[in-house]
Amino acid sequence: MPSPQVTVIRSRRRKKTIQTKSTADHLWIYLPAGMSAKDEQKWIDRMIQRNNRWRQKKTLKESDGWLHKRAEELNKKYFGGTLQYSICFVSNQRTRFGSCTSLDHSIRISDRVKTMPSWVLDYIIIHELAHLLHPDHSKKFWELVDQYKYAERAKGYLIALSADASDDAEETPVEETIFSEF
């Protein structure tokens, strides 16, 4: 997502407040005219970061419709369409690819997964959907997940990705790394 053009507007009438307005390709930052150059730069940077986070969340929300549609297709194919849940992308999962809260049937998928191959995303969705029936990693859980024809390939992909990202990959057993990620 390209960064928007930034325009800083200084106002003599503005004493303490800082405000932004934005469109898809432009960000206006309103600052008090008497602000020091150091404070001004600090606030400009802060408001640009805040706007970027807001834009990222908006993009994630827009992706949630597609994610829900894909999860419904997998629910029908692998679970007979019987599962009830909510599913969304989140940006705060850095050590997991997905998570499931079986109490409220909510599934969260890391936004990092959006750039992975579709068969890996499908595997992660199926993995989390299976947690709605089996909240643990029991034999029955794995029997459900392993119905997916690319399950082993996706596990290997995620293990390799986790090992590559880990500074101490040699010290952490591979199985522990991947299965703690879900």
N, C-alpha and C. Protein backbone atom coordinates (compact mmCIF):
# COMPACT_ATOMS: atom_id res chain seq x y z
N MET A 1 0.85 -1.16 0.00
CA MET A 1 0.00 0.00 0.00
C MET A 1 0.91 1.23 0.00
N PRO A 2 0.81 2.10 -1.03
CA PRO A 2 1.67 3.28 -1.10
C PRO A 2 1.31 4.29 -0.02
N SER A 3 2.33 4.99 0.45
CA SER A 3 2.10 6.02 1.47
C SER A 3 1.43 7.22 0.83
N PRO A 4 0.51 7.84 1.56
CA PRO A 4 -0.17 9.01 0.99
C PRO A 4 0.75 10.23 1.00
N GLN A 5 0.43 11.19 0.15
CA GLN A 5 1.13 12.47 0.17
C GLN A 5 0.75 13.18 1.46
N VAL A 6 1.71 13.85 2.11
CA VAL A 6 1.46 14.50 3.39
C VAL A 6 1.57 16.02 3.22
N THR A 7 0.56 16.73 3.73
CA THR A 7 0.57 18.18 3.76
C THR A 7 0.43 18.62 5.21
N VAL A 8 1.36 19.46 5.67
CA VAL A 8 1.31 19.97 7.03
C VAL A 8 0.75 21.38 6.99
N ILE A 9 -0.28 21.62 7.81
CA ILE A 9 -0.91 22.93 7.86
C ILE A 9 -0.75 23.47 9.28
N ARG A 10 -0.08 24.63 9.39
CA ARG A 10 0.13 25.26 10.69
C ARG A 10 -0.90 26.36 10.89
N SER A 11 -1.46 26.40 12.09
CA SER A 11 -2.51 27.38 12.37
C SER A 11 -2.15 28.19 13.61
N ARG A 12 -2.27 29.51 13.51
CA ARG A 12 -2.02 30.39 14.67
C ARG A 12 -3.14 30.25 15.70
N ARG A 13 -4.33 29.91 15.24
CA ARG A 13 -5.48 29.78 16.14
C ARG A 13 -5.41 28.48 16.95
N ARG A 14 -4.73 27.51 16.44
CA ARG A 14 -4.60 26.21 17.11
C ARG A 14 -3.53 26.32 18.18
N LYS A 15 -3.87 25.98 19.42
CA LYS A 15 -2.92 26.13 20.55
C LYS A 15 -2.32 24.80 20.99
N LYS A 16 -3.15 23.75 21.14
CA LYS A 16 -2.66 22.48 21.66
C LYS A 16 -3.03 21.28 20.80
N THR A 17 -4.09 21.38 20.06
CA THR A 17 -4.61 20.20 19.38
C THR A 17 -3.89 19.91 18.06
N ILE A 18 -3.81 18.64 17.76
CA ILE A 18 -3.26 18.16 16.50
C ILE A 18 -4.35 17.32 15.87
N GLN A 19 -4.55 17.50 14.58
CA GLN A 19 -5.64 16.82 13.90
C GLN A 19 -5.16 16.34 12.54
N THR A 20 -5.78 15.27 12.06
CA THR A 20 -5.50 14.81 10.70
C THR A 20 -6.80 14.61 9.94
N LYS A 21 -6.70 14.73 8.65
CA LYS A 21 -7.77 14.37 7.73
C LYS A 21 -7.09 13.60 6.62
N SER A 22 -7.79 12.59 6.09
CA SER A 22 -7.13 11.80 5.05
C SER A 22 -8.10 11.32 3.99
N THR A 23 -7.53 11.08 2.83
CA THR A 23 -8.20 10.39 1.74
C THR A 23 -7.30 9.22 1.38
N ALA A 24 -7.65 8.50 0.34
CA ALA A 24 -6.85 7.33 -0.03
C ALA A 24 -5.41 7.68 -0.38
N ASP A 25 -5.19 8.88 -0.93
CA ASP A 25 -3.84 9.22 -1.38
C ASP A 25 -3.27 10.50 -0.75
N HIS A 26 -3.94 11.03 0.27
CA HIS A 26 -3.46 12.29 0.87
C HIS A 26 -3.75 12.32 2.38
N LEU A 27 -2.80 12.88 3.12
CA LEU A 27 -2.95 13.06 4.57
C LEU A 27 -2.63 14.52 4.89
N TRP A 28 -3.58 15.19 5.55
CA TRP A 28 -3.37 16.55 6.01
C TRP A 28 -3.18 16.50 7.52
N ILE A 29 -2.12 17.15 7.99
CA ILE A 29 -1.83 17.20 9.43
C ILE A 29 -1.91 18.66 9.85
N TYR A 30 -2.79 18.94 10.80
CA TYR A 30 -3.00 20.29 11.31
C TYR A 30 -2.28 20.43 12.64
N LEU A 31 -1.36 21.42 12.73
CA LEU A 31 -0.54 21.62 13.93
C LEU A 31 -0.62 23.08 14.40
N PRO A 32 -0.36 23.30 15.69
CA PRO A 32 -0.25 24.70 16.16
C PRO A 32 0.97 25.36 15.51
N ALA A 33 0.85 26.61 15.12
CA ALA A 33 1.94 27.31 14.45
C ALA A 33 3.14 27.53 15.36
N GLY A 34 2.91 27.65 16.68
CA GLY A 34 3.99 27.93 17.61
C GLY A 34 4.77 26.71 18.07
N MET A 35 4.55 25.57 17.51
CA MET A 35 5.22 24.33 17.93
C MET A 35 6.68 24.35 17.49
N SER A 36 7.56 23.84 18.34
CA SER A 36 8.98 23.78 17.98
C SER A 36 9.19 22.79 16.84
N ALA A 37 10.28 22.97 16.11
CA ALA A 37 10.58 22.10 14.96
C ALA A 37 10.73 20.64 15.42
N LYS A 38 11.33 20.44 16.58
CA LYS A 38 11.53 19.09 17.11
C LYS A 38 10.17 18.44 17.42
N ASP A 39 9.30 19.16 18.13
CA ASP A 39 7.97 18.64 18.46
C ASP A 39 7.14 18.43 17.20
N GLU A 40 7.28 19.36 16.26
CA GLU A 40 6.53 19.25 15.02
C GLU A 40 6.89 17.96 14.29
N GLN A 41 8.17 17.67 14.17
CA GLN A 41 8.60 16.45 13.47
C GLN A 41 8.13 15.20 14.22
N LYS A 42 8.18 15.25 15.56
CA LYS A 42 7.71 14.12 16.37
C LYS A 42 6.24 13.85 16.09
N TRP A 43 5.43 14.92 16.05
CA TRP A 43 3.99 14.76 15.82
C TRP A 43 3.68 14.35 14.38
N ILE A 44 4.43 14.87 13.44
CA ILE A 44 4.23 14.46 12.04
C ILE A 44 4.48 12.97 11.90
N ASP A 45 5.61 12.50 12.45
CA ASP A 45 5.93 11.07 12.39
C ASP A 45 4.86 10.23 13.08
N ARG A 46 4.42 10.67 14.25
CA ARG A 46 3.40 9.94 15.01
C ARG A 46 2.09 9.86 14.24
N MET A 47 1.68 10.96 13.63
CA MET A 47 0.41 10.98 12.91
C MET A 47 0.48 10.16 11.61
N ILE A 48 1.62 10.14 10.97
CA ILE A 48 1.79 9.30 9.78
C ILE A 48 1.70 7.83 10.19
N GLN A 49 2.37 7.45 11.29
CA GLN A 49 2.29 6.07 11.77
C GLN A 49 0.86 5.69 12.13
N ARG A 50 0.18 6.58 12.83
CA ARG A 50 -1.21 6.32 13.23
C ARG A 50 -2.10 6.14 12.00
N ASN A 51 -1.90 6.99 11.00
CA ASN A 51 -2.68 6.88 9.77
C ASN A 51 -2.38 5.57 9.04
N ASN A 52 -1.10 5.18 9.01
CA ASN A 52 -0.73 3.92 8.35
C ASN A 52 -1.36 2.72 9.06
N ARG A 53 -1.37 2.73 10.40
CA ARG A 53 -2.02 1.64 11.15
C ARG A 53 -3.52 1.60 10.85
N TRP A 54 -4.15 2.77 10.80
CA TRP A 54 -5.58 2.84 10.50
C TRP A 54 -5.85 2.28 9.10
N ARG A 55 -5.03 2.66 8.12
CA ARG A 55 -5.19 2.17 6.75
C ARG A 55 -4.98 0.66 6.68
N GLN A 56 -4.00 0.15 7.45
CA GLN A 56 -3.75 -1.29 7.47
C GLN A 56 -4.95 -2.04 8.06
N LYS A 57 -5.51 -1.52 9.16
CA LYS A 57 -6.68 -2.16 9.76
C LYS A 57 -7.86 -2.14 8.80
N LYS A 58 -8.03 -1.04 8.10
CA LYS A 58 -9.12 -0.92 7.12
C LYS A 58 -8.95 -1.95 6.01
N THR A 59 -7.72 -2.12 5.53
CA THR A 59 -7.43 -3.11 4.50
C THR A 59 -7.71 -4.52 5.00
N LEU A 60 -7.33 -4.79 6.27
CA LEU A 60 -7.59 -6.10 6.85
C LEU A 60 -9.09 -6.37 6.92
N LYS A 61 -9.85 -5.37 7.36
CA LYS A 61 -11.31 -5.53 7.46
C LYS A 61 -11.91 -5.84 6.09
N GLU A 62 -11.40 -5.18 5.06
CA GLU A 62 -11.89 -5.43 3.71
C GLU A 62 -11.57 -6.85 3.27
N SER A 63 -10.44 -7.40 3.73
CA SER A 63 -10.05 -8.77 3.40
C SER A 63 -10.87 -9.80 4.15
N ASP A 64 -11.47 -9.42 5.27
CA ASP A 64 -12.22 -10.36 6.09
C ASP A 64 -13.39 -11.00 5.34
N GLY A 65 -14.02 -10.27 4.44
CA GLY A 65 -15.13 -10.82 3.66
C GLY A 65 -14.65 -11.98 2.80
N TRP A 66 -13.53 -11.78 2.14
CA TRP A 66 -12.95 -12.84 1.32
C TRP A 66 -12.55 -14.03 2.20
N LEU A 67 -11.94 -13.75 3.35
CA LEU A 67 -11.51 -14.81 4.27
C LEU A 67 -12.71 -15.63 4.75
N HIS A 68 -13.79 -14.96 5.10
CA HIS A 68 -14.98 -15.66 5.57
C HIS A 68 -15.57 -16.54 4.46
N LYS A 69 -15.57 -16.04 3.25
CA LYS A 69 -16.08 -16.82 2.12
C LYS A 69 -15.24 -18.08 1.92
N ARG A 70 -13.92 -17.93 2.00
CA ARG A 70 -13.04 -19.10 1.83
C ARG A 70 -13.24 -20.09 2.97
N ALA A 71 -13.37 -19.60 4.19
CA ALA A 71 -13.59 -20.48 5.34
C ALA A 71 -14.91 -21.24 5.19
N GLU A 72 -15.93 -20.58 4.66
CA GLU A 72 -17.22 -21.25 4.45
C GLU A 72 -17.09 -22.39 3.45
N GLU A 73 -16.33 -22.17 2.38
CA GLU A 73 -16.11 -23.22 1.38
C GLU A 73 -15.41 -24.43 2.02
N LEU A 74 -14.41 -24.17 2.85
CA LEU A 74 -13.68 -25.24 3.52
C LEU A 74 -14.54 -25.91 4.60
N ASN A 75 -15.38 -25.13 5.26
CA ASN A 75 -16.31 -25.67 6.25
C ASN A 75 -17.25 -26.67 5.57
N LYS A 76 -17.78 -26.31 4.42
CA LYS A 76 -18.68 -27.21 3.70
C LYS A 76 -17.96 -28.48 3.24
N LYS A 77 -16.77 -28.31 2.70
CA LYS A 77 -16.04 -29.44 2.13
C LYS A 77 -15.53 -30.41 3.20
N TYR A 78 -15.00 -29.89 4.31
CA TYR A 78 -14.34 -30.75 5.29
C TYR A 78 -15.16 -30.99 6.57
N PHE A 79 -16.16 -30.17 6.82
CA PHE A 79 -16.93 -30.29 8.06
C PHE A 79 -18.43 -30.34 7.81
N GLY A 80 -18.83 -30.53 6.57
CA GLY A 80 -20.24 -30.63 6.22
C GLY A 80 -21.02 -29.34 6.41
N GLY A 81 -20.31 -28.21 6.53
CA GLY A 81 -20.97 -26.90 6.69
C GLY A 81 -21.62 -26.71 8.04
N THR A 82 -21.26 -27.54 9.01
CA THR A 82 -21.93 -27.52 10.32
C THR A 82 -21.35 -26.52 11.32
N LEU A 83 -20.15 -26.03 11.07
CA LEU A 83 -19.47 -25.19 12.07
C LEU A 83 -19.97 -23.75 12.02
N GLN A 84 -20.17 -23.17 13.19
CA GLN A 84 -20.53 -21.76 13.34
C GLN A 84 -19.33 -21.04 13.94
N TYR A 85 -18.94 -19.91 13.39
CA TYR A 85 -17.73 -19.23 13.84
C TYR A 85 -17.69 -17.82 13.27
N SER A 86 -16.77 -17.04 13.81
CA SER A 86 -16.40 -15.77 13.18
C SER A 86 -14.92 -15.90 12.84
N ILE A 87 -14.49 -15.25 11.77
CA ILE A 87 -13.09 -15.35 11.34
C ILE A 87 -12.64 -14.00 10.81
N CYS A 88 -11.41 -13.62 11.15
CA CYS A 88 -10.89 -12.35 10.67
C CYS A 88 -9.36 -12.38 10.65
N PHE A 89 -8.78 -11.51 9.85
CA PHE A 89 -7.34 -11.29 9.87
C PHE A 89 -7.01 -10.35 11.02
N VAL A 90 -5.86 -10.57 11.65
CA VAL A 90 -5.38 -9.69 12.71
C VAL A 90 -3.92 -9.37 12.46
N SER A 91 -3.48 -8.25 12.97
CA SER A 91 -2.09 -7.83 12.76
C SER A 91 -1.24 -7.96 14.02
N ASN A 92 -1.79 -8.53 15.08
CA ASN A 92 -1.03 -8.60 16.33
C ASN A 92 -0.51 -10.00 16.65
N GLN A 93 -0.51 -10.90 15.68
CA GLN A 93 0.03 -12.25 15.91
C GLN A 93 1.37 -12.37 15.20
N ARG A 94 2.44 -12.34 15.97
CA ARG A 94 3.78 -12.43 15.41
C ARG A 94 4.40 -13.80 15.61
N THR A 95 3.88 -14.59 16.56
CA THR A 95 4.45 -15.91 16.81
C THR A 95 3.49 -17.03 16.44
N ARG A 96 2.31 -16.69 15.97
CA ARG A 96 1.31 -17.68 15.56
C ARG A 96 0.82 -17.35 14.17
N PHE A 97 0.34 -18.38 13.48
CA PHE A 97 -0.26 -18.16 12.17
C PHE A 97 -1.77 -18.03 12.29
N GLY A 98 -2.32 -18.61 13.33
CA GLY A 98 -3.75 -18.54 13.57
C GLY A 98 -4.05 -18.91 15.00
N SER A 99 -5.24 -18.57 15.46
CA SER A 99 -5.68 -18.96 16.79
C SER A 99 -7.19 -19.09 16.79
N CYS A 100 -7.67 -19.90 17.74
CA CYS A 100 -9.10 -20.18 17.83
C CYS A 100 -9.50 -20.14 19.30
N THR A 101 -10.58 -19.45 19.59
CA THR A 101 -11.17 -19.47 20.92
C THR A 101 -12.45 -20.26 20.80
N SER A 102 -12.42 -21.49 21.31
CA SER A 102 -13.57 -22.38 21.12
C SER A 102 -14.78 -21.94 21.93
N LEU A 103 -14.57 -21.15 22.99
CA LEU A 103 -15.71 -20.70 23.79
C LEU A 103 -16.65 -19.79 23.02
N ASP A 104 -16.10 -18.85 22.25
CA ASP A 104 -16.96 -17.94 21.49
C ASP A 104 -16.88 -18.20 19.98
N HIS A 105 -16.19 -19.28 19.60
CA HIS A 105 -16.10 -19.71 18.20
C HIS A 105 -15.47 -18.64 17.30
N SER A 106 -14.46 -17.95 17.83
CA SER A 106 -13.78 -16.92 17.04
C SER A 106 -12.42 -17.43 16.57
N ILE A 107 -12.14 -17.17 15.31
CA ILE A 107 -10.88 -17.57 14.70
C ILE A 107 -10.18 -16.31 14.21
N ARG A 108 -8.89 -16.23 14.52
CA ARG A 108 -8.08 -15.11 14.07
C ARG A 108 -6.91 -15.67 13.27
N ILE A 109 -6.69 -15.08 12.11
CA ILE A 109 -5.61 -15.50 11.22
C ILE A 109 -4.63 -14.33 11.09
N SER A 110 -3.34 -14.62 11.29
CA SER A 110 -2.32 -13.57 11.18
C SER A 110 -2.30 -12.98 9.77
N ASP A 111 -2.17 -11.68 9.70
CA ASP A 111 -2.11 -11.03 8.38
C ASP A 111 -0.87 -11.46 7.59
N ARG A 112 0.13 -12.03 8.28
CA ARG A 112 1.32 -12.53 7.58
C ARG A 112 0.96 -13.65 6.61
N VAL A 113 -0.13 -14.35 6.88
CA VAL A 113 -0.54 -15.50 6.08
C VAL A 113 -1.05 -15.07 4.71
N LYS A 114 -1.48 -13.82 4.58
CA LYS A 114 -2.05 -13.34 3.31
C LYS A 114 -1.07 -13.47 2.15
N THR A 115 0.22 -13.45 2.43
CA THR A 115 1.22 -13.52 1.36
C THR A 115 1.70 -14.95 1.10
N MET A 116 1.19 -15.91 1.84
CA MET A 116 1.59 -17.30 1.67
C MET A 116 0.76 -17.94 0.55
N PRO A 117 1.23 -19.08 0.03
CA PRO A 117 0.43 -19.78 -1.00
C PRO A 117 -0.96 -20.12 -0.49
N SER A 118 -1.92 -20.18 -1.38
CA SER A 118 -3.32 -20.41 -0.98
C SER A 118 -3.51 -21.74 -0.28
N TRP A 119 -2.74 -22.76 -0.66
CA TRP A 119 -2.89 -24.07 -0.02
C TRP A 119 -2.40 -24.05 1.43
N VAL A 120 -1.50 -23.12 1.76
CA VAL A 120 -1.06 -22.96 3.15
C VAL A 120 -2.15 -22.23 3.94
N LEU A 121 -2.72 -21.19 3.36
CA LEU A 121 -3.81 -20.49 4.02
C LEU A 121 -4.98 -21.44 4.27
N ASP A 122 -5.32 -22.25 3.28
CA ASP A 122 -6.40 -23.22 3.47
C ASP A 122 -6.09 -24.17 4.62
N TYR A 123 -4.86 -24.63 4.69
CA TYR A 123 -4.47 -25.52 5.78
C TYR A 123 -4.66 -24.84 7.15
N ILE A 124 -4.24 -23.59 7.24
CA ILE A 124 -4.35 -22.87 8.51
C ILE A 124 -5.83 -22.68 8.88
N ILE A 125 -6.66 -22.37 7.92
CA ILE A 125 -8.10 -22.22 8.18
C ILE A 125 -8.68 -23.56 8.65
N ILE A 126 -8.35 -24.64 7.95
CA ILE A 126 -8.85 -25.96 8.34
C ILE A 126 -8.36 -26.32 9.74
N HIS A 127 -7.11 -26.04 10.02
CA HIS A 127 -6.54 -26.30 11.35
C HIS A 127 -7.36 -25.59 12.43
N GLU A 128 -7.65 -24.32 12.21
CA GLU A 128 -8.40 -23.55 13.22
C GLU A 128 -9.87 -23.99 13.28
N LEU A 129 -10.47 -24.32 12.15
CA LEU A 129 -11.84 -24.84 12.17
C LEU A 129 -11.92 -26.14 12.95
N ALA A 130 -10.92 -27.00 12.80
CA ALA A 130 -10.90 -28.27 13.53
C ALA A 130 -10.85 -28.04 15.04
N HIS A 131 -10.24 -26.93 15.46
CA HIS A 131 -10.20 -26.61 16.89
C HIS A 131 -11.59 -26.34 17.46
N LEU A 132 -12.54 -26.00 16.63
CA LEU A 132 -13.90 -25.78 17.12
C LEU A 132 -14.52 -27.10 17.60
N LEU A 133 -14.08 -28.21 17.02
CA LEU A 133 -14.57 -29.53 17.43
C LEU A 133 -13.65 -30.19 18.46
N HIS A 134 -12.36 -29.94 18.32
CA HIS A 134 -11.35 -30.52 19.23
C HIS A 134 -10.38 -29.40 19.63
N PRO A 135 -10.55 -28.80 20.81
CA PRO A 135 -9.71 -27.66 21.17
C PRO A 135 -8.24 -28.02 21.44
N ASP A 136 -7.92 -29.29 21.44
CA ASP A 136 -6.54 -29.74 21.69
C ASP A 136 -5.91 -30.22 20.37
N HIS A 137 -4.76 -30.82 20.46
CA HIS A 137 -4.11 -31.43 19.30
C HIS A 137 -4.15 -32.95 19.47
N SER A 138 -5.33 -33.47 19.73
CA SER A 138 -5.51 -34.90 19.95
C SER A 138 -5.45 -35.66 18.62
N LYS A 139 -5.48 -36.98 18.73
CA LYS A 139 -5.48 -37.83 17.53
C LYS A 139 -6.69 -37.51 16.65
N LYS A 140 -7.86 -37.32 17.26
CA LYS A 140 -9.08 -37.00 16.49
C LYS A 140 -8.93 -35.66 15.77
N PHE A 141 -8.30 -34.70 16.45
CA PHE A 141 -8.05 -33.40 15.83
C PHE A 141 -7.22 -33.59 14.57
N TRP A 142 -6.09 -34.30 14.68
CA TRP A 142 -5.20 -34.48 13.53
C TRP A 142 -5.84 -35.29 12.43
N GLU A 143 -6.72 -36.23 12.78
CA GLU A 143 -7.45 -36.98 11.75
C GLU A 143 -8.31 -36.04 10.91
N LEU A 144 -8.94 -35.06 11.55
CA LEU A 144 -9.73 -34.07 10.81
C LEU A 144 -8.84 -33.21 9.91
N VAL A 145 -7.78 -32.69 10.48
CA VAL A 145 -6.89 -31.78 9.74
C VAL A 145 -6.23 -32.51 8.57
N ASP A 146 -5.81 -33.76 8.81
CA ASP A 146 -5.08 -34.51 7.79
C ASP A 146 -5.95 -34.98 6.63
N GLN A 147 -7.26 -34.71 6.67
CA GLN A 147 -8.11 -34.98 5.52
C GLN A 147 -7.75 -34.06 4.35
N TYR A 148 -7.19 -32.90 4.68
CA TYR A 148 -6.78 -31.94 3.65
C TYR A 148 -5.59 -32.51 2.90
N LYS A 149 -5.69 -32.60 1.58
CA LYS A 149 -4.66 -33.30 0.81
C LYS A 149 -3.28 -32.64 0.84
N TYR A 150 -3.23 -31.35 1.16
CA TYR A 150 -1.94 -30.67 1.23
C TYR A 150 -1.49 -30.44 2.68
N ALA A 151 -2.06 -31.17 3.62
CA ALA A 151 -1.74 -30.95 5.04
C ALA A 151 -0.25 -31.14 5.32
N GLU A 152 0.32 -32.24 4.86
CA GLU A 152 1.74 -32.51 5.13
C GLU A 152 2.63 -31.47 4.46
N ARG A 153 2.29 -31.10 3.24
CA ARG A 153 3.07 -30.10 2.52
C ARG A 153 3.01 -28.76 3.25
N ALA A 154 1.81 -28.37 3.70
CA ALA A 154 1.65 -27.10 4.41
C ALA A 154 2.39 -27.11 5.74
N LYS A 155 2.33 -28.24 6.46
CA LYS A 155 3.09 -28.36 7.72
C LYS A 155 4.58 -28.15 7.45
N GLY A 156 5.08 -28.79 6.39
CA GLY A 156 6.49 -28.64 6.03
C GLY A 156 6.84 -27.20 5.68
N TYR A 157 5.97 -26.56 4.94
CA TYR A 157 6.18 -25.16 4.57
C TYR A 157 6.28 -24.29 5.82
N LEU A 158 5.33 -24.48 6.75
CA LEU A 158 5.30 -23.66 7.97
C LEU A 158 6.47 -23.98 8.89
N ILE A 159 6.87 -25.25 8.95
CA ILE A 159 8.04 -25.62 9.75
C ILE A 159 9.28 -24.93 9.19
N ALA A 160 9.45 -24.97 7.87
CA ALA A 160 10.61 -24.33 7.24
C ALA A 160 10.58 -22.82 7.46
N LEU A 161 9.41 -22.23 7.34
CA LEU A 161 9.27 -20.80 7.55
C LEU A 161 9.61 -20.42 8.99
N SER A 162 9.13 -21.22 9.94
CA SER A 162 9.40 -20.95 11.36
C SER A 162 10.88 -21.13 11.67
N ALA A 163 11.49 -22.17 11.10
CA ALA A 163 12.91 -22.42 11.36
C ALA A 163 13.77 -21.32 10.76
N ASP A 164 13.37 -20.84 9.58
CA ASP A 164 14.11 -19.77 8.91
C ASP A 164 14.03 -18.47 9.70
N ALA A 165 12.86 -18.21 10.29
CA ALA A 165 12.64 -16.96 11.02
C ALA A 165 13.24 -16.98 12.41
N SER A 166 13.52 -18.15 12.92
CA SER A 166 14.01 -18.28 14.28
C SER A 166 15.53 -18.14 14.33
N ASP A 167 16.01 -17.27 15.21
CA ASP A 167 17.46 -17.12 15.37
C ASP A 167 18.08 -18.35 15.98
N ASP A 168 17.31 -19.03 16.83
CA ASP A 168 17.83 -20.21 17.52
C ASP A 168 17.12 -21.47 17.03
N ALA A 169 16.92 -21.59 15.72
CA ALA A 169 16.18 -22.71 15.16
C ALA A 169 16.84 -24.05 15.50
N GLU A 170 18.16 -24.07 15.62
CA GLU A 170 18.85 -25.32 15.91
C GLU A 170 18.57 -25.79 17.33
N GLU A 171 18.23 -24.86 18.24
CA GLU A 171 17.99 -25.21 19.63
C GLU A 171 16.54 -25.61 19.89
N THR A 172 15.62 -25.27 18.99
CA THR A 172 14.20 -25.54 19.19
C THR A 172 13.78 -26.71 18.32
N PRO A 173 13.22 -27.77 18.90
CA PRO A 173 12.74 -28.89 18.08
C PRO A 173 11.71 -28.42 17.05
N VAL A 174 11.82 -28.91 15.84
CA VAL A 174 10.96 -28.47 14.74
C VAL A 174 9.48 -28.69 15.07
N GLU A 175 9.10 -29.87 15.55
CA GLU A 175 7.69 -30.12 15.86
C GLU A 175 7.17 -29.14 16.88
N GLU A 176 7.98 -28.82 17.89
CA GLU A 176 7.54 -27.89 18.92
C GLU A 176 7.32 -26.51 18.32
N THR A 177 8.19 -26.12 17.40
CA THR A 177 8.08 -24.80 16.79
C THR A 177 6.76 -24.66 16.03
N ILE A 178 6.46 -25.58 15.15
CA ILE A 178 5.26 -25.42 14.34
C ILE A 178 3.99 -25.59 15.14
N PHE A 179 3.93 -26.57 16.01
CA PHE A 179 2.67 -26.84 16.68
C PHE A 179 2.38 -25.85 17.78
N SER A 180 3.39 -25.15 18.26
CA SER A 180 3.10 -24.10 19.23
C SER A 180 2.61 -22.85 18.50
N GLU A 181 2.76 -22.83 17.19
CA GLU A 181 2.35 -21.66 16.42
C GLU A 181 0.85 -21.62 16.18
N PHE A 182 0.14 -22.69 16.42
CA PHE A 182 -1.29 -22.73 16.14
C PHE A 182 -2.08 -22.67 17.41
